Amino acid sequence: MNEQQLKEYLITLAQEYGSKWNEYEDRVREQSEAETAAMPKFADAEEQFAWFKENKPTDWHEELSKWVGPLFDRYCTDKKRVYGGKNVRSFGFPAKFNGIGSPVETSVDLKNQNRAEVYFKTETSFQDEYLFVLLRKAGQWKIDSYKGRRFGDTKWDNRIL
């Protein structure tokens, strides 16, 4: 694989991961909202407490974690992570990698033969930018971490993968 092919491959790898994550997060958010909308209207907190005692709503974080686990195994390094990883603790709108499916700019900086930074600029309401760090181990490229920034900020913020 020549350098240009490698760069295209790395962009595709990070973009597939982010797009799949967004798909799963959007699906969970929509199902969560539908479940909430289908709940009865409660007259007071006591009635609400009694209903929840008898009816256990879906743990949507657990559901998203089930979908994200295999995705994480396929695309991310297996280092120990104190936060994030396969156990998802939040979801919302917009999705985590908002706009990554149709970026207005991408680039790859090959730091060395085993490390690359993949950049995405989006044209979302937040003008999100992402910088993925990919490592090659045992001949396989995987996402190790990522950073993000919004509204043209100059400083990258470390984000939880």
N, C-alpha and C. Protein backbone atom coordinates (compact mmCIF):
# COMPACT_ATOMS: atom_id res chain seq x y z
N MET A 1 0.85 -1.17 0.00
CA MET A 1 0.00 0.00 0.00
C MET A 1 0.91 1.24 0.00
N ASN A 2 0.69 2.14 -0.95
CA ASN A 2 1.50 3.34 -0.98
C ASN A 2 0.96 4.38 0.02
N GLU A 3 1.65 5.50 0.16
CA GLU A 3 1.29 6.49 1.18
C GLU A 3 -0.12 7.05 0.98
N GLN A 4 -0.49 7.34 -0.26
CA GLN A 4 -1.83 7.88 -0.53
C GLN A 4 -2.91 6.86 -0.19
N GLN A 5 -2.70 5.61 -0.54
CA GLN A 5 -3.66 4.56 -0.21
C GLN A 5 -3.78 4.39 1.30
N LEU A 6 -2.65 4.47 2.01
CA LEU A 6 -2.66 4.37 3.46
C LEU A 6 -3.48 5.50 4.07
N LYS A 7 -3.27 6.71 3.59
CA LYS A 7 -4.01 7.86 4.11
C LYS A 7 -5.51 7.69 3.87
N GLU A 8 -5.89 7.25 2.70
CA GLU A 8 -7.31 7.03 2.40
C GLU A 8 -7.89 5.94 3.31
N TYR A 9 -7.11 4.88 3.53
CA TYR A 9 -7.54 3.80 4.41
C TYR A 9 -7.77 4.31 5.84
N LEU A 10 -6.86 5.12 6.35
CA LEU A 10 -6.96 5.63 7.72
C LEU A 10 -8.16 6.57 7.87
N ILE A 11 -8.41 7.40 6.87
CA ILE A 11 -9.59 8.27 6.90
C ILE A 11 -10.85 7.42 6.94
N THR A 12 -10.91 6.41 6.08
CA THR A 12 -12.07 5.52 6.02
C THR A 12 -12.28 4.80 7.35
N LEU A 13 -11.20 4.33 7.95
CA LEU A 13 -11.28 3.61 9.22
C LEU A 13 -11.90 4.49 10.31
N ALA A 14 -11.38 5.69 10.48
CA ALA A 14 -11.91 6.59 11.52
C ALA A 14 -13.33 7.03 11.19
N GLN A 15 -13.61 7.27 9.93
CA GLN A 15 -14.94 7.71 9.52
C GLN A 15 -15.98 6.61 9.71
N GLU A 16 -15.62 5.38 9.39
CA GLU A 16 -16.54 4.25 9.62
C GLU A 16 -16.87 4.12 11.10
N TYR A 17 -15.85 4.21 11.94
CA TYR A 17 -16.07 4.11 13.39
C TYR A 17 -17.03 5.20 13.86
N GLY A 18 -16.72 6.45 13.52
CA GLY A 18 -17.56 7.56 13.96
C GLY A 18 -18.97 7.49 13.42
N SER A 19 -19.13 7.09 12.16
CA SER A 19 -20.45 7.00 11.55
C SER A 19 -21.29 5.89 12.19
N LYS A 20 -20.66 4.74 12.43
CA LYS A 20 -21.38 3.64 13.09
C LYS A 20 -21.79 4.03 14.51
N TRP A 21 -20.86 4.69 15.23
CA TRP A 21 -21.18 5.15 16.59
C TRP A 21 -22.41 6.05 16.53
N ASN A 22 -22.40 7.01 15.62
CA ASN A 22 -23.52 7.94 15.49
C ASN A 22 -24.83 7.21 15.19
N GLU A 23 -24.76 6.23 14.30
CA GLU A 23 -25.94 5.44 13.95
C GLU A 23 -26.51 4.76 15.19
N TYR A 24 -25.66 4.14 15.98
CA TYR A 24 -26.11 3.44 17.19
C TYR A 24 -26.65 4.44 18.22
N GLU A 25 -25.94 5.53 18.40
CA GLU A 25 -26.38 6.53 19.38
C GLU A 25 -27.72 7.14 18.98
N ASP A 26 -27.88 7.46 17.72
CA ASP A 26 -29.16 8.02 17.24
C ASP A 26 -30.29 7.02 17.45
N ARG A 27 -30.03 5.75 17.15
CA ARG A 27 -31.05 4.71 17.32
C ARG A 27 -31.48 4.60 18.78
N VAL A 28 -30.51 4.59 19.69
CA VAL A 28 -30.83 4.48 21.11
C VAL A 28 -31.60 5.71 21.59
N ARG A 29 -31.17 6.87 21.16
CA ARG A 29 -31.85 8.10 21.57
C ARG A 29 -33.30 8.10 21.09
N GLU A 30 -33.53 7.70 19.85
CA GLU A 30 -34.89 7.65 19.30
C GLU A 30 -35.75 6.64 20.06
N GLN A 31 -35.20 5.47 20.35
CA GLN A 31 -35.96 4.46 21.09
C GLN A 31 -36.24 4.91 22.52
N SER A 32 -35.27 5.57 23.13
CA SER A 32 -35.44 6.09 24.48
C SER A 32 -36.56 7.14 24.52
N GLU A 33 -36.53 8.03 23.53
CA GLU A 33 -37.57 9.07 23.47
C GLU A 33 -38.95 8.46 23.23
N ALA A 34 -39.03 7.42 22.38
CA ALA A 34 -40.30 6.75 22.12
C ALA A 34 -40.82 6.07 23.38
N GLU A 35 -39.92 5.42 24.13
CA GLU A 35 -40.33 4.77 25.37
C GLU A 35 -40.84 5.79 26.38
N THR A 36 -40.15 6.90 26.49
CA THR A 36 -40.58 7.96 27.42
C THR A 36 -41.93 8.53 27.01
N ALA A 37 -42.13 8.74 25.71
CA ALA A 37 -43.40 9.29 25.22
C ALA A 37 -44.56 8.33 25.47
N ALA A 38 -44.29 7.04 25.49
CA ALA A 38 -45.34 6.03 25.69
C ALA A 38 -45.70 5.83 27.16
N MET A 39 -44.93 6.42 28.07
CA MET A 39 -45.24 6.27 29.51
C MET A 39 -46.52 7.03 29.85
N PRO A 40 -47.23 6.55 30.85
CA PRO A 40 -48.45 7.27 31.26
C PRO A 40 -48.10 8.62 31.88
N LYS A 41 -49.10 9.49 31.90
CA LYS A 41 -48.95 10.77 32.59
C LYS A 41 -49.27 10.54 34.06
N PHE A 42 -48.43 11.06 34.93
CA PHE A 42 -48.59 10.82 36.37
C PHE A 42 -49.20 12.04 37.05
N ALA A 43 -50.10 11.77 38.00
CA ALA A 43 -50.75 12.85 38.74
C ALA A 43 -49.79 13.50 39.72
N ASP A 44 -48.88 12.68 40.27
CA ASP A 44 -47.92 13.21 41.25
C ASP A 44 -46.72 12.27 41.34
N ALA A 45 -45.76 12.67 42.15
CA ALA A 45 -44.53 11.90 42.30
C ALA A 45 -44.79 10.52 42.91
N GLU A 46 -45.76 10.42 43.79
CA GLU A 46 -46.07 9.14 44.42
C GLU A 46 -46.58 8.14 43.38
N GLU A 47 -47.45 8.60 42.50
CA GLU A 47 -47.97 7.74 41.44
C GLU A 47 -46.84 7.33 40.49
N GLN A 48 -45.97 8.26 40.19
CA GLN A 48 -44.83 7.99 39.32
C GLN A 48 -43.91 6.95 39.96
N PHE A 49 -43.63 7.11 41.25
CA PHE A 49 -42.77 6.17 41.97
C PHE A 49 -43.38 4.77 41.95
N ALA A 50 -44.68 4.69 42.18
CA ALA A 50 -45.36 3.39 42.19
C ALA A 50 -45.29 2.73 40.81
N TRP A 51 -45.46 3.52 39.76
CA TRP A 51 -45.40 2.97 38.41
C TRP A 51 -44.01 2.43 38.11
N PHE A 52 -42.98 3.20 38.47
CA PHE A 52 -41.60 2.76 38.21
C PHE A 52 -41.23 1.54 39.05
N LYS A 53 -41.86 1.40 40.19
CA LYS A 53 -41.60 0.24 41.04
C LYS A 53 -42.09 -1.04 40.35
N GLU A 54 -43.18 -0.93 39.60
CA GLU A 54 -43.78 -2.07 38.91
C GLU A 54 -43.27 -2.25 37.47
N ASN A 55 -42.81 -1.19 36.86
CA ASN A 55 -42.40 -1.21 35.46
C ASN A 55 -40.96 -0.73 35.33
N LYS A 56 -40.12 -1.59 34.86
CA LYS A 56 -38.71 -1.24 34.73
C LYS A 56 -38.42 -0.74 33.31
N PRO A 57 -38.12 0.55 33.17
CA PRO A 57 -37.77 1.06 31.84
C PRO A 57 -36.46 0.44 31.35
N THR A 58 -36.25 0.49 30.07
CA THR A 58 -35.04 -0.05 29.45
C THR A 58 -33.83 0.75 29.91
N ASP A 59 -32.74 0.05 30.18
CA ASP A 59 -31.47 0.71 30.48
C ASP A 59 -30.79 0.99 29.13
N TRP A 60 -31.00 2.19 28.61
CA TRP A 60 -30.52 2.52 27.28
C TRP A 60 -29.01 2.63 27.21
N HIS A 61 -28.36 2.94 28.32
CA HIS A 61 -26.90 2.96 28.34
C HIS A 61 -26.37 1.54 28.14
N GLU A 62 -27.03 0.59 28.78
CA GLU A 62 -26.65 -0.82 28.61
C GLU A 62 -26.88 -1.28 27.18
N GLU A 63 -28.00 -0.86 26.59
CA GLU A 63 -28.29 -1.23 25.21
C GLU A 63 -27.24 -0.67 24.25
N LEU A 64 -26.89 0.60 24.43
CA LEU A 64 -25.88 1.20 23.57
C LEU A 64 -24.53 0.51 23.77
N SER A 65 -24.22 0.15 25.00
CA SER A 65 -22.96 -0.55 25.27
C SER A 65 -22.89 -1.88 24.53
N LYS A 66 -24.02 -2.58 24.42
CA LYS A 66 -24.05 -3.86 23.69
C LYS A 66 -23.69 -3.66 22.23
N TRP A 67 -24.13 -2.57 21.64
CA TRP A 67 -23.84 -2.30 20.23
C TRP A 67 -22.43 -1.77 20.05
N VAL A 68 -21.98 -0.95 21.00
CA VAL A 68 -20.68 -0.30 20.88
C VAL A 68 -19.53 -1.28 21.17
N GLY A 69 -19.76 -2.28 22.00
CA GLY A 69 -18.70 -3.23 22.35
C GLY A 69 -18.00 -3.83 21.15
N PRO A 70 -18.73 -4.48 20.24
CA PRO A 70 -18.08 -5.05 19.05
C PRO A 70 -17.45 -3.98 18.15
N LEU A 71 -18.07 -2.83 18.08
CA LEU A 71 -17.52 -1.72 17.29
C LEU A 71 -16.17 -1.30 17.86
N PHE A 72 -16.13 -1.19 19.17
CA PHE A 72 -14.90 -0.80 19.87
C PHE A 72 -13.81 -1.84 19.63
N ASP A 73 -14.16 -3.13 19.73
CA ASP A 73 -13.19 -4.20 19.50
C ASP A 73 -12.59 -4.12 18.09
N ARG A 74 -13.42 -3.82 17.13
CA ARG A 74 -12.98 -3.79 15.73
C ARG A 74 -12.09 -2.59 15.41
N TYR A 75 -12.42 -1.42 15.97
CA TYR A 75 -11.77 -0.19 15.53
C TYR A 75 -10.78 0.43 16.53
N CYS A 76 -10.80 0.04 17.79
CA CYS A 76 -10.01 0.74 18.80
C CYS A 76 -8.97 -0.16 19.45
N THR A 77 -7.90 0.49 19.92
CA THR A 77 -6.86 -0.25 20.64
C THR A 77 -7.44 -0.81 21.92
N ASP A 78 -6.81 -1.84 22.45
CA ASP A 78 -7.34 -2.50 23.64
C ASP A 78 -6.69 -2.04 24.93
N LYS A 79 -6.18 -0.82 24.96
CA LYS A 79 -5.56 -0.35 26.20
C LYS A 79 -6.61 -0.16 27.30
N LYS A 80 -6.17 -0.21 28.53
CA LYS A 80 -7.07 -0.01 29.67
C LYS A 80 -7.53 1.44 29.69
N ARG A 81 -8.84 1.63 29.79
CA ARG A 81 -9.42 2.97 29.80
C ARG A 81 -10.22 3.14 31.08
N VAL A 82 -9.89 4.18 31.82
CA VAL A 82 -10.60 4.46 33.06
C VAL A 82 -12.02 4.95 32.75
N TYR A 83 -12.15 5.77 31.71
CA TYR A 83 -13.45 6.29 31.29
C TYR A 83 -13.70 5.85 29.85
N GLY A 84 -14.96 5.80 29.48
CA GLY A 84 -15.29 5.47 28.10
C GLY A 84 -15.16 3.99 27.83
N GLY A 85 -14.69 3.68 26.64
CA GLY A 85 -14.57 2.29 26.25
C GLY A 85 -15.91 1.68 25.91
N LYS A 86 -16.08 0.43 26.27
CA LYS A 86 -17.28 -0.31 25.91
C LYS A 86 -18.48 -0.02 26.80
N ASN A 87 -18.26 0.59 27.96
CA ASN A 87 -19.36 0.88 28.88
C ASN A 87 -19.80 2.33 28.72
N VAL A 88 -20.82 2.52 27.91
CA VAL A 88 -21.30 3.86 27.57
C VAL A 88 -22.15 4.40 28.71
N ARG A 89 -21.88 5.63 29.11
CA ARG A 89 -22.61 6.25 30.21
C ARG A 89 -23.43 7.46 29.79
N SER A 90 -23.38 7.80 28.50
CA SER A 90 -24.20 8.92 28.05
C SER A 90 -24.47 8.80 26.55
N PHE A 91 -25.55 9.41 26.14
CA PHE A 91 -25.88 9.55 24.73
C PHE A 91 -26.78 10.77 24.61
N GLY A 92 -26.85 11.31 23.43
CA GLY A 92 -27.67 12.50 23.28
C GLY A 92 -27.73 12.99 21.85
N PHE A 93 -28.04 14.27 21.74
CA PHE A 93 -28.14 14.91 20.44
C PHE A 93 -27.41 16.22 20.49
N PRO A 94 -26.56 16.52 19.56
CA PRO A 94 -26.20 15.65 18.44
C PRO A 94 -25.34 14.49 18.89
N ALA A 95 -25.17 13.52 18.01
CA ALA A 95 -24.39 12.33 18.34
C ALA A 95 -22.91 12.71 18.54
N LYS A 96 -22.18 11.81 19.13
CA LYS A 96 -20.78 12.04 19.54
C LYS A 96 -19.88 12.56 18.41
N PHE A 97 -20.01 12.01 17.22
CA PHE A 97 -19.15 12.40 16.11
C PHE A 97 -19.98 13.13 15.04
N ASN A 98 -20.68 14.13 15.48
CA ASN A 98 -21.59 14.91 14.65
C ASN A 98 -20.90 15.39 13.36
N GLY A 99 -21.47 15.01 12.22
CA GLY A 99 -20.96 15.49 10.94
C GLY A 99 -19.83 14.70 10.33
N ILE A 100 -19.36 13.67 10.99
CA ILE A 100 -18.19 12.93 10.48
C ILE A 100 -18.50 12.16 9.19
N GLY A 101 -19.76 11.87 8.97
CA GLY A 101 -20.13 11.13 7.75
C GLY A 101 -19.99 11.93 6.47
N SER A 102 -20.00 13.25 6.59
CA SER A 102 -19.85 14.10 5.40
C SER A 102 -18.97 15.31 5.73
N PRO A 103 -17.70 15.06 6.00
CA PRO A 103 -16.79 16.16 6.36
C PRO A 103 -16.52 17.08 5.17
N VAL A 104 -16.16 18.32 5.46
CA VAL A 104 -15.79 19.26 4.39
C VAL A 104 -14.28 19.25 4.16
N GLU A 105 -13.56 18.67 5.11
CA GLU A 105 -12.11 18.58 4.97
C GLU A 105 -11.59 17.39 5.76
N THR A 106 -10.63 16.68 5.19
CA THR A 106 -9.94 15.60 5.89
C THR A 106 -8.46 15.68 5.57
N SER A 107 -7.66 15.18 6.48
CA SER A 107 -6.22 15.07 6.21
C SER A 107 -5.63 14.02 7.14
N VAL A 108 -4.44 13.57 6.76
CA VAL A 108 -3.72 12.58 7.57
C VAL A 108 -2.28 13.05 7.71
N ASP A 109 -1.81 13.02 8.95
CA ASP A 109 -0.41 13.33 9.24
C ASP A 109 0.23 12.03 9.74
N LEU A 110 1.10 11.46 8.91
CA LEU A 110 1.79 10.23 9.31
C LEU A 110 2.97 10.62 10.18
N LYS A 111 2.85 10.41 11.49
CA LYS A 111 3.89 10.82 12.43
C LYS A 111 5.13 9.92 12.32
N ASN A 112 4.88 8.64 12.18
CA ASN A 112 5.94 7.66 11.92
C ASN A 112 5.26 6.43 11.34
N GLN A 113 5.97 5.33 11.20
CA GLN A 113 5.38 4.16 10.54
C GLN A 113 4.29 3.49 11.37
N ASN A 114 4.18 3.85 12.66
CA ASN A 114 3.19 3.21 13.53
C ASN A 114 2.21 4.19 14.18
N ARG A 115 2.25 5.45 13.78
CA ARG A 115 1.38 6.46 14.40
C ARG A 115 0.93 7.46 13.34
N ALA A 116 -0.39 7.76 13.37
CA ALA A 116 -0.94 8.73 12.43
C ALA A 116 -2.03 9.54 13.13
N GLU A 117 -2.21 10.77 12.65
CA GLU A 117 -3.30 11.62 13.13
C GLU A 117 -4.22 11.88 11.95
N VAL A 118 -5.50 11.60 12.14
CA VAL A 118 -6.49 11.76 11.09
C VAL A 118 -7.44 12.89 11.50
N TYR A 119 -7.55 13.89 10.64
CA TYR A 119 -8.30 15.11 10.91
C TYR A 119 -9.59 15.16 10.09
N PHE A 120 -10.67 15.59 10.75
CA PHE A 120 -11.96 15.81 10.08
C PHE A 120 -12.48 17.19 10.47
N LYS A 121 -12.91 17.94 9.50
CA LYS A 121 -13.60 19.21 9.74
C LYS A 121 -15.01 19.05 9.18
N THR A 122 -16.00 19.43 9.99
CA THR A 122 -17.39 19.28 9.57
C THR A 122 -18.03 20.64 9.39
N GLU A 123 -19.18 20.62 8.74
CA GLU A 123 -19.93 21.84 8.53
C GLU A 123 -21.27 21.72 9.27
N THR A 124 -21.18 21.39 10.54
CA THR A 124 -22.37 21.25 11.38
C THR A 124 -22.66 22.59 12.04
N SER A 125 -23.73 22.65 12.80
CA SER A 125 -24.06 23.86 13.55
C SER A 125 -22.93 24.26 14.49
N PHE A 126 -22.19 23.27 14.95
CA PHE A 126 -21.10 23.51 15.90
C PHE A 126 -19.74 23.60 15.22
N GLN A 127 -19.69 23.37 13.91
CA GLN A 127 -18.43 23.35 13.16
C GLN A 127 -17.40 22.45 13.86
N ASP A 128 -17.85 21.23 14.15
CA ASP A 128 -17.02 20.27 14.87
C ASP A 128 -15.78 19.88 14.07
N GLU A 129 -14.67 19.69 14.78
CA GLU A 129 -13.45 19.16 14.21
C GLU A 129 -12.99 18.02 15.11
N TYR A 130 -12.47 16.97 14.48
CA TYR A 130 -12.00 15.80 15.21
C TYR A 130 -10.59 15.46 14.77
N LEU A 131 -9.80 15.01 15.72
CA LEU A 131 -8.43 14.57 15.44
C LEU A 131 -8.24 13.21 16.10
N PHE A 132 -8.22 12.17 15.28
CA PHE A 132 -8.07 10.81 15.78
C PHE A 132 -6.59 10.42 15.75
N VAL A 133 -6.13 9.78 16.81
CA VAL A 133 -4.78 9.23 16.85
C VAL A 133 -4.92 7.73 16.62
N LEU A 134 -4.28 7.26 15.55
CA LEU A 134 -4.31 5.84 15.21
C LEU A 134 -2.91 5.26 15.38
N LEU A 135 -2.88 4.05 15.90
CA LEU A 135 -1.61 3.34 16.10
C LEU A 135 -1.65 2.03 15.32
N ARG A 136 -0.49 1.64 14.84
CA ARG A 136 -0.37 0.34 14.17
C ARG A 136 0.34 -0.60 15.11
N LYS A 137 -0.36 -1.68 15.45
CA LYS A 137 0.21 -2.72 16.30
C LYS A 137 -0.07 -4.06 15.64
N ALA A 138 0.95 -4.88 15.57
CA ALA A 138 0.84 -6.21 14.94
C ALA A 138 0.26 -6.09 13.53
N GLY A 139 0.65 -5.03 12.83
CA GLY A 139 0.23 -4.85 11.45
C GLY A 139 -1.17 -4.30 11.26
N GLN A 140 -1.87 -3.98 12.35
CA GLN A 140 -3.24 -3.48 12.26
C GLN A 140 -3.33 -2.06 12.78
N TRP A 141 -4.01 -1.18 12.04
CA TRP A 141 -4.25 0.18 12.48
C TRP A 141 -5.53 0.23 13.29
N LYS A 142 -5.43 0.90 14.48
CA LYS A 142 -6.61 1.06 15.33
C LYS A 142 -6.59 2.45 15.96
N ILE A 143 -7.78 2.91 16.30
CA ILE A 143 -7.92 4.22 16.94
C ILE A 143 -7.51 4.09 18.40
N ASP A 144 -6.62 4.97 18.85
CA ASP A 144 -6.15 4.93 20.23
C ASP A 144 -6.80 6.03 21.08
N SER A 145 -7.05 7.19 20.46
CA SER A 145 -7.66 8.31 21.18
C SER A 145 -8.16 9.32 20.17
N TYR A 146 -8.88 10.33 20.68
CA TYR A 146 -9.27 11.41 19.78
C TYR A 146 -9.44 12.69 20.57
N LYS A 147 -9.37 13.78 19.83
CA LYS A 147 -9.56 15.12 20.38
C LYS A 147 -10.63 15.81 19.54
N GLY A 148 -11.20 16.85 20.11
CA GLY A 148 -12.20 17.60 19.37
C GLY A 148 -12.13 19.07 19.71
N ARG A 149 -12.73 19.87 18.84
CA ARG A 149 -12.89 21.30 19.12
C ARG A 149 -14.07 21.81 18.31
N ARG A 150 -14.59 22.97 18.76
CA ARG A 150 -15.77 23.56 18.15
C ARG A 150 -15.57 25.03 17.87
N PHE A 151 -16.39 25.53 16.93
CA PHE A 151 -16.45 26.95 16.60
C PHE A 151 -15.09 27.57 16.31
N GLY A 152 -14.19 26.81 15.70
CA GLY A 152 -12.90 27.36 15.33
C GLY A 152 -11.96 27.60 16.49
N ASP A 153 -12.21 26.97 17.64
CA ASP A 153 -11.26 27.08 18.76
C ASP A 153 -9.88 26.64 18.28
N THR A 154 -8.86 27.20 18.87
CA THR A 154 -7.50 26.82 18.48
C THR A 154 -6.98 25.65 19.31
N LYS A 155 -7.52 25.47 20.50
CA LYS A 155 -7.05 24.42 21.41
C LYS A 155 -7.90 23.15 21.26
N TRP A 156 -7.22 22.02 21.11
CA TRP A 156 -7.90 20.73 21.06
C TRP A 156 -8.23 20.28 22.48
N ASP A 157 -9.42 19.70 22.67
CA ASP A 157 -9.80 19.10 23.95
C ASP A 157 -9.71 17.59 23.82
N ASN A 158 -9.04 16.95 24.79
CA ASN A 158 -9.04 15.49 24.82
C ASN A 158 -10.45 15.01 25.08
N ARG A 159 -10.88 14.03 24.34
CA ARG A 159 -12.23 13.50 24.49
C ARG A 159 -12.16 12.04 24.90
N ILE A 160 -13.23 11.58 25.50
CA ILE A 160 -13.31 10.19 25.97
C ILE A 160 -13.77 9.30 24.83
N LEU A 161 -12.94 8.33 24.49
CA LEU A 161 -13.24 7.41 23.41
C LEU A 161 -14.19 6.35 23.94
